[in-house]
Amino acid sequence: MGRKPLCIVILTESDRKQLEFIRNNPDTSSFCRKRAAILLLADTSTGSTLSQKQIAEQSGTTQATVSNVIRHFASEGLDSVMKSKRSPNSDTARQKVDGRAEAVIIATACSDPPDGRVRWTLSLLKEECEGRLDKTVSRSTVHRVLLRNELHPHKTKYWSIPPEQNGEFVAHMEDVLNQYEQPYDPVHPLICMDEKPKEIHGHGRDPLPVQPGKDRVEDSEYVRNGHASVFVFINPNTGWIEAHARERRTMLDWAEEIKWLVDEVHPEAEKIRLVMDNLNTHKIGSLYERFPPAEAFRIAQKLEIHYTPKHGSWLNIAEIGIHILSKECIDRRIESFENLDYQVKCWNLSRESTKAINWKFTTKDARVKLRRLYPISSND
């Protein structure tokens, strides 16, 4: 099949003036301004010898667009080339969905998917909406409605959902938020603590290293070598953060970590304000399980404990520390506890303190934005 003959653009004085006006008028559509620029650059009557590639670069379009515009001009003239011609069957040429159709699409996307399906897809939504509306709806139309209404039915976010109108939740939440609002006090330091379980996995086959043009490759098969726990401590006011790996997460492990916090990190403190979740091992009684009574009492007297509410782990700033640790150190296969412990210790030594945490959510914000969590009092 032979190549199409090359078309030449020859503009009249009137054509040039019209196209220059269109090209320079900011109120004209981008579609028309680009076509006007193409024709002016391609006009051989002014002595232009630019190639189609050069015209495309200067007009901000593609070489294919330049070729199509020139051929269209040669065959149908200036008035035709400046009009957008779209197929009446194209999605952009169809009438936009009316209010009823959009409401049906939104209601369907917010409902449960059909039996046997874990989530809605554009194709499933299209079929379901066509059945309810008794007319054709394109996938692109469904997609536009979802984007316009910020709907993502294919996604599921996992979150701790707090109970509504629950005084116990609110009491713990406001207690923790009050601690975050207090000014920095080195004599009464604020420490947030949490634990992260870590699976110990070895490689079934040796991974292939990074090479030029090739990413590191790990086999999907792995070897289970048990599990461990990583304790993370963070001071929101100073940015200090440290993590310790332990083979278990028992009350004895927690007690030893707290003794370290009291005696080695803040021996000068009068009280350590400790924020943590209400896990069954995070109790003063754990100190008595591990140490003699006098020692347990001494450590306990240095603590001022503030528990986050159940389903309120997002209130613990230690979650930020866990995210930093995971991203920088342990989000990978680690084949043994000994190596996990070594990697965490190296991370502690090599990284600098993060910036102070700028926690912006206050009790005042909670009473407005989380009003549904507060019990309805007789004065409301």
Protein backbone atom coordinates (compact mmCIF):
# COMPACT_ATOMS: atom_id res chain seq x y z
CA MET A 1 0.00 0.00 0.00
CA GLY A 2 1.53 3.36 -1.11
CA ARG A 3 2.02 6.40 1.07
CA LYS A 4 -0.55 9.17 1.00
CA PRO A 5 0.55 12.20 -1.05
CA LEU A 6 1.96 15.13 0.94
CA CYS A 7 -0.48 18.05 1.24
CA ILE A 8 0.63 21.68 1.12
CA VAL A 9 -0.93 24.58 3.08
CA ILE A 10 -1.34 27.87 1.17
CA LEU A 11 -3.23 30.56 3.11
CA THR A 12 -4.77 33.74 1.81
CA GLU A 13 -4.19 37.06 3.58
CA SER A 14 -7.73 36.83 4.99
CA ASP A 15 -7.11 33.27 6.22
CA ARG A 16 -3.90 34.31 8.00
CA LYS A 17 -5.57 37.23 9.79
CA GLN A 18 -8.42 34.99 10.95
CA LEU A 19 -6.05 32.29 12.19
CA GLU A 20 -3.77 34.79 13.95
CA PHE A 21 -6.79 36.19 15.78
CA ILE A 22 -7.85 32.69 16.86
CA ARG A 23 -4.31 31.71 17.93
CA ASN A 24 -3.80 34.87 20.01
CA ASN A 25 -7.27 35.00 21.59
CA PRO A 26 -7.20 33.44 25.09
CA ASP A 27 -10.99 33.08 25.05
CA THR A 28 -10.79 30.69 22.10
CA SER A 29 -10.75 26.97 22.87
CA SER A 30 -7.42 25.18 23.07
CA PHE A 31 -8.60 22.92 20.24
CA CYS A 32 -8.99 25.87 17.84
CA ARG A 33 -5.83 27.70 18.97
CA LYS A 34 -3.66 24.65 18.33
CA ARG A 35 -5.16 24.05 14.87
CA ALA A 36 -4.65 27.71 13.99
CA ALA A 37 -1.02 27.49 15.11
CA ILE A 38 -0.46 24.37 12.99
CA LEU A 39 -1.83 25.99 9.83
CA LEU A 40 0.13 29.23 10.35
CA LEU A 41 3.38 27.31 10.86
CA ALA A 42 2.69 25.13 7.82
CA ASP A 43 1.78 28.04 5.49
CA THR A 44 4.17 27.78 2.53
CA SER A 45 3.06 31.13 1.11
CA THR A 46 5.17 32.82 3.81
CA GLY A 47 8.20 30.74 2.88
CA SER A 48 7.83 28.21 5.70
CA THR A 49 9.94 25.08 5.28
CA LEU A 50 9.22 23.51 8.69
CA SER A 51 8.78 19.75 8.84
CA GLN A 52 5.70 18.22 10.43
CA LYS A 53 7.83 17.16 13.39
CA GLN A 54 9.02 20.75 13.91
CA ILE A 55 5.46 22.07 13.58
CA ALA A 56 4.27 19.56 16.19
CA GLU A 57 7.00 20.64 18.63
CA GLN A 58 6.27 24.35 18.21
CA SER A 59 2.48 23.98 18.39
CA GLY A 60 2.50 21.59 21.36
CA THR A 61 0.77 18.77 19.50
CA THR A 62 1.72 15.44 17.97
CA GLN A 63 3.01 14.78 14.50
CA ALA A 64 -0.09 12.73 13.74
CA THR A 65 -2.32 15.68 14.67
CA VAL A 66 -0.31 17.98 12.38
CA SER A 67 -0.67 15.55 9.49
CA ASN A 68 -4.43 15.17 10.02
CA VAL A 69 -5.03 18.93 10.26
CA ILE A 70 -3.08 19.63 7.05
CA ARG A 71 -4.91 16.90 5.13
CA HIS A 72 -8.25 18.04 6.50
CA PHE A 73 -7.51 21.64 5.42
CA ALA A 74 -6.46 20.54 1.94
CA SER A 75 -9.61 18.47 1.40
CA GLU A 76 -12.36 20.46 3.16
CA GLY A 77 -11.09 24.00 3.73
CA LEU A 78 -10.54 26.30 6.70
CA ASP A 79 -14.07 26.47 8.11
CA SER A 80 -14.32 22.70 8.31
CA VAL A 81 -10.92 22.17 9.92
CA MET A 82 -11.76 24.58 12.76
CA LYS A 83 -14.85 22.59 13.76
CA SER A 84 -14.62 19.61 16.06
CA LYS A 85 -16.13 16.58 14.37
CA ARG A 86 -16.98 13.68 16.64
CA SER A 87 -18.88 10.54 15.96
CA PRO A 88 -22.47 10.77 17.21
CA ASN A 89 -21.85 7.38 18.85
CA SER A 90 -18.80 8.53 20.80
CA ASP A 91 -19.12 8.82 24.56
CA THR A 92 -18.34 12.56 24.56
CA ALA A 93 -21.05 13.23 21.98
CA ARG A 94 -23.75 11.47 23.99
CA GLN A 95 -26.08 13.44 26.19
CA LYS A 96 -24.87 13.69 29.79
CA VAL A 97 -26.70 11.60 32.36
CA ASP A 98 -29.70 13.27 33.93
CA GLY A 99 -30.28 13.57 37.67
CA ARG A 100 -32.22 10.32 37.96
CA ALA A 101 -29.56 8.30 36.12
CA GLU A 102 -26.78 9.79 38.24
CA ALA A 103 -28.74 9.03 41.42
CA VAL A 104 -29.15 5.39 40.32
CA ILE A 105 -25.41 5.07 39.60
CA ILE A 106 -24.51 6.54 43.00
CA ALA A 107 -27.03 4.38 44.88
CA THR A 108 -25.81 1.25 43.11
CA ALA A 109 -22.14 2.02 43.82
CA CYS A 110 -22.97 2.53 47.51
CA SER A 111 -24.78 -0.81 47.78
CA ASP A 112 -23.30 -4.28 48.27
CA PRO A 113 -22.01 -6.00 45.10
CA PRO A 114 -23.87 -9.02 43.66
CA ASP A 115 -23.49 -12.41 45.32
CA GLY A 116 -20.29 -14.07 44.23
CA ARG A 117 -18.47 -10.76 43.72
CA VAL A 118 -16.19 -9.10 46.27
CA ARG A 119 -16.48 -5.57 44.83
CA TRP A 120 -18.13 -3.48 42.13
CA THR A 121 -16.36 -3.03 38.80
CA LEU A 122 -17.29 -0.55 36.07
CA SER A 123 -18.70 -3.38 33.96
CA LEU A 124 -20.85 -4.69 36.83
CA LEU A 125 -22.11 -1.19 37.63
CA LYS A 126 -22.89 -0.58 33.96
CA GLU A 127 -24.97 -3.77 33.70
CA GLU A 128 -26.80 -3.17 36.98
CA CYS A 129 -27.61 0.48 36.16
CA GLU A 130 -28.82 -0.39 32.66
CA GLY A 131 -31.23 -2.87 34.22
CA ARG A 132 -32.56 -0.29 36.67
CA LEU A 133 -32.77 2.54 34.14
CA ASP A 134 -33.92 0.45 31.18
CA LYS A 135 -31.50 2.28 28.87
CA THR A 136 -27.88 2.07 27.74
CA VAL A 137 -25.19 3.53 30.01
CA SER A 138 -21.52 3.52 29.02
CA ARG A 139 -18.65 2.50 31.31
CA SER A 140 -17.12 5.95 30.78
CA THR A 141 -20.30 7.61 31.97
CA VAL A 142 -20.32 5.47 35.11
CA HIS A 143 -16.65 6.29 35.66
CA ARG A 144 -17.26 10.04 35.35
CA VAL A 145 -20.13 9.92 37.86
CA LEU A 146 -17.95 8.03 40.35
CA LEU A 147 -15.10 10.52 39.98
CA ARG A 148 -17.41 13.53 40.26
CA ASN A 149 -18.86 12.19 43.51
CA GLU A 150 -15.55 10.86 44.89
CA LEU A 151 -16.82 7.30 45.03
CA HIS A 152 -14.38 4.37 45.06
CA PRO A 153 -16.52 1.21 45.37
CA HIS A 154 -13.55 -1.00 44.40
CA LYS A 155 -11.64 0.04 47.54
CA THR A 156 -12.02 -0.97 51.17
CA LYS A 157 -10.28 0.93 53.95
CA TYR A 158 -9.67 -0.93 57.19
CA TRP A 159 -10.10 1.27 60.24
CA SER A 160 -10.99 0.98 63.89
CA ILE A 161 -14.57 2.21 63.99
CA PRO A 162 -15.36 3.81 67.38
CA PRO A 163 -18.75 3.19 68.99
CA GLU A 164 -21.25 6.04 68.79
CA GLN A 165 -22.47 7.83 71.93
CA ASN A 166 -19.98 6.05 74.15
CA GLY A 167 -18.86 7.86 77.27
CA GLU A 168 -15.96 5.49 77.97
CA PHE A 169 -14.45 6.07 74.52
CA VAL A 170 -14.87 9.84 74.79
CA ALA A 171 -13.33 9.97 78.28
CA HIS A 172 -10.14 8.18 77.19
CA MET A 173 -9.98 10.14 73.92
CA GLU A 174 -10.16 13.52 75.66
CA ASP A 175 -7.63 12.42 78.28
CA VAL A 176 -5.10 11.49 75.57
CA LEU A 177 -5.79 14.63 73.51
CA ASN A 178 -5.27 16.72 76.63
CA GLN A 179 -1.79 15.24 77.03
CA TYR A 180 -0.91 16.19 73.46
CA GLU A 181 -2.00 19.78 74.13
CA GLN A 182 0.29 20.24 77.14
CA PRO A 183 3.57 22.19 76.66
CA TYR A 184 6.89 20.36 76.64
CA ASP A 185 8.03 19.49 80.16
CA PRO A 186 11.35 17.60 80.52
CA VAL A 187 10.54 16.76 84.13
CA HIS A 188 7.26 15.15 83.03
CA PRO A 189 8.12 13.81 79.55
CA LEU A 190 5.39 12.51 77.26
CA ILE A 191 6.14 9.07 75.79
CA CYS A 192 3.88 7.13 73.41
CA MET A 193 4.37 3.37 73.20
CA ASP A 194 3.04 0.60 70.98
CA GLU A 195 3.95 -2.88 69.77
CA LYS A 196 4.13 -4.27 66.25
CA PRO A 197 4.03 -8.02 65.56
CA LYS A 198 6.57 -9.16 62.98
CA GLU A 199 6.53 -12.45 61.08
CA ILE A 200 9.97 -14.05 60.71
CA HIS A 201 10.20 -15.24 57.11
CA GLY A 202 13.19 -16.68 55.26
CA HIS A 203 13.64 -17.01 51.50
CA GLY A 204 12.66 -20.27 49.84
CA ARG A 205 15.17 -19.47 47.11
CA ASP A 206 17.95 -16.92 47.07
CA PRO A 207 16.72 -13.60 45.64
CA LEU A 208 18.23 -12.20 42.45
CA PRO A 209 20.11 -8.94 43.08
CA VAL A 210 19.49 -5.60 41.39
CA GLN A 211 21.13 -5.25 37.99
CA PRO A 212 21.12 -2.45 35.41
CA GLY A 213 17.68 -2.58 33.84
CA LYS A 214 16.42 -5.21 36.30
CA ASP A 215 14.79 -4.88 39.72
CA ARG A 216 15.58 -7.11 42.68
CA VAL A 217 13.55 -10.33 42.39
CA GLU A 218 12.30 -12.42 45.33
CA ASP A 219 10.58 -15.76 44.94
CA SER A 220 6.98 -15.86 46.18
CA GLU A 221 7.82 -18.96 48.23
CA TYR A 222 9.07 -18.26 51.74
CA VAL A 223 9.96 -20.19 54.91
CA ARG A 224 8.11 -19.53 58.18
CA ASN A 225 10.53 -19.13 61.06
CA GLY A 226 8.16 -17.95 63.78
CA HIS A 227 7.18 -14.48 64.86
CA ALA A 228 8.40 -11.67 67.10
CA SER A 229 7.29 -8.34 68.50
CA VAL A 230 8.84 -4.89 68.18
CA PHE A 231 8.28 -2.33 70.94
CA VAL A 232 8.32 1.28 69.72
CA PHE A 233 8.69 4.36 71.92
CA ILE A 234 8.41 7.95 70.69
CA ASN A 235 8.52 11.36 72.35
CA PRO A 236 6.21 13.63 70.28
CA ASN A 237 7.73 16.80 71.73
CA THR A 238 11.37 16.07 70.88
CA GLY A 239 11.10 13.59 68.00
CA TRP A 240 13.12 10.94 69.90
CA ILE A 241 12.21 7.43 68.78
CA GLU A 242 13.60 4.00 69.62
CA ALA A 243 12.54 0.41 68.95
CA HIS A 244 13.41 -2.93 70.56
CA ALA A 245 12.81 -6.41 69.12
CA ARG A 246 11.60 -9.18 71.41
CA GLU A 247 10.82 -12.82 70.77
CA ARG A 248 7.50 -12.54 72.62
CA ARG A 249 5.00 -9.90 73.71
CA THR A 250 4.21 -11.08 77.24
CA MET A 251 3.68 -9.03 80.40
CA LEU A 252 7.27 -9.81 81.39
CA ASP A 253 8.57 -8.32 78.15
CA TRP A 254 6.49 -5.19 78.65
CA ALA A 255 7.70 -4.86 82.25
CA GLU A 256 11.35 -5.04 81.19
CA GLU A 257 10.80 -2.42 78.47
CA ILE A 258 9.16 -0.07 80.98
CA LYS A 259 12.04 -0.51 83.44
CA TRP A 260 14.43 0.45 80.64
CA LEU A 261 12.32 3.54 79.88
CA VAL A 262 12.28 4.62 83.53
CA ASP A 263 15.88 3.87 84.48
CA GLU A 264 17.84 4.50 81.27
CA VAL A 265 15.88 6.95 79.16
CA HIS A 266 14.34 9.24 81.79
CA PRO A 267 15.99 8.56 85.17
CA GLU A 268 15.67 12.27 86.04
CA ALA A 269 11.92 12.47 85.40
CA GLU A 270 9.47 12.94 88.26
CA LYS A 271 6.72 11.30 86.23
CA ILE A 272 6.65 9.81 82.75
CA ARG A 273 3.33 10.44 81.03
CA LEU A 274 2.89 7.18 79.14
CA VAL A 275 0.31 6.88 76.34
CA MET A 276 -0.46 3.34 75.13
CA ASP A 277 -3.33 1.02 74.28
CA ASN A 278 -5.18 -0.98 76.92
CA LEU A 279 -3.64 -4.37 76.09
CA ASN A 280 -3.95 -6.97 78.85
CA THR A 281 -0.15 -6.99 79.31
CA HIS A 282 0.06 -3.19 79.64
CA LYS A 283 -0.82 -3.15 83.31
CA ILE A 284 0.97 -2.16 86.51
CA GLY A 285 0.42 -5.73 87.65
CA SER A 286 2.89 -6.87 84.95
CA LEU A 287 5.64 -5.10 86.89
CA TYR A 288 4.84 -7.18 89.96
CA GLU A 289 4.89 -10.35 87.83
CA ARG A 290 8.46 -9.56 86.76
CA PHE A 291 10.14 -7.73 89.67
CA PRO A 292 10.16 -7.89 93.47
CA PRO A 293 7.38 -5.81 95.08
CA ALA A 294 9.63 -2.93 96.13
CA GLU A 295 11.16 -2.63 92.65
CA ALA A 296 7.78 -2.91 90.92
CA PHE A 297 6.36 -0.22 93.21
CA ARG A 298 9.33 2.07 92.52
CA ILE A 299 8.86 1.79 88.74
CA ALA A 300 5.09 2.20 88.98
CA GLN A 301 5.47 5.42 90.95
CA LYS A 302 7.36 6.95 88.02
CA LEU A 303 4.47 6.33 85.60
CA GLU A 304 1.36 8.33 84.79
CA ILE A 305 -0.51 6.09 82.38
CA HIS A 306 -3.02 7.37 79.80
CA TYR A 307 -4.79 4.62 77.87
CA THR A 308 -6.13 5.16 74.37
CA PRO A 309 -9.75 3.99 74.02
CA LYS A 310 -10.65 0.67 72.46
CA HIS A 311 -10.98 1.17 68.67
CA GLY A 312 -8.98 4.37 69.10
CA SER A 313 -5.47 3.24 68.19
CA TRP A 314 -5.26 6.17 65.74
CA LEU A 315 -4.97 8.41 68.82
CA ASN A 316 -1.58 6.90 69.70
CA ILE A 317 1.29 8.88 68.16
CA ALA A 318 3.41 5.73 68.50
CA GLU A 319 1.58 4.56 65.36
CA ILE A 320 3.62 7.20 63.50
CA GLY A 321 6.80 5.72 64.97
CA ILE A 322 5.76 2.23 63.85
CA HIS A 323 5.14 3.54 60.32
CA ILE A 324 8.62 5.11 60.21
CA LEU A 325 10.23 1.91 61.52
CA SER A 326 8.38 -0.27 59.02
CA LYS A 327 9.18 1.94 56.05
CA GLU A 328 12.85 2.39 56.89
CA CYS A 329 13.81 -0.95 58.43
CA ILE A 330 11.57 -4.00 58.79
CA ASP A 331 9.19 -3.94 55.80
CA ARG A 332 10.97 -6.91 54.22
CA ARG A 333 11.69 -10.58 54.80
CA ILE A 334 13.90 -11.11 57.82
CA GLU A 335 14.91 -14.74 58.26
CA SER A 336 15.65 -14.94 62.01
CA PHE A 337 14.97 -13.15 65.28
CA GLU A 338 18.70 -12.55 65.70
CA ASN A 339 18.80 -10.69 62.39
CA LEU A 340 15.65 -8.74 63.27
CA ASP A 341 17.19 -7.67 66.56
CA TYR A 342 20.42 -6.68 64.78
CA GLN A 343 18.59 -4.68 62.07
CA VAL A 344 16.46 -2.80 64.62
CA LYS A 345 19.56 -1.95 66.71
CA CYS A 346 21.35 -0.68 63.60
CA TRP A 347 18.30 1.44 62.78
CA ASN A 348 18.32 2.94 66.27
CA LEU A 349 21.99 3.87 65.96
CA SER A 350 21.99 5.14 62.38
CA ARG A 351 18.92 7.37 62.21
CA GLU A 352 18.56 10.85 63.59
CA SER A 353 15.61 11.93 65.70
CA THR A 354 12.58 12.81 63.64
CA LYS A 355 11.00 16.23 63.90
CA ALA A 356 8.64 16.99 66.76
CA ILE A 357 5.17 15.68 65.94
CA ASN A 358 2.79 18.52 65.08
CA TRP A 359 -0.43 16.93 66.33
CA LYS A 360 -3.26 19.25 65.26
CA PHE A 361 -6.39 17.33 66.31
CA THR A 362 -7.55 18.84 69.61
CA THR A 363 -10.32 18.22 72.11
CA LYS A 364 -12.14 21.21 70.66
CA ASP A 365 -11.99 19.61 67.21
CA ALA A 366 -13.21 16.27 68.58
CA ARG A 367 -16.28 17.86 70.16
CA VAL A 368 -17.27 19.22 66.76
CA LYS A 369 -16.07 16.66 64.22
CA LEU A 370 -16.77 13.57 66.36
CA ARG A 371 -19.97 14.82 67.94
CA ARG A 372 -21.70 11.53 67.16
CA LEU A 373 -19.39 9.75 69.64
CA TYR A 374 -20.53 11.87 72.58
CA PRO A 375 -23.50 10.74 74.69
CA ILE A 376 -26.54 12.99 74.45
CA SER A 377 -26.78 14.78 77.80
CA SER A 378 -29.91 16.32 79.27
CA ASN A 379 -28.54 19.81 78.49
CA ASP A 380 -28.10 19.13 74.75
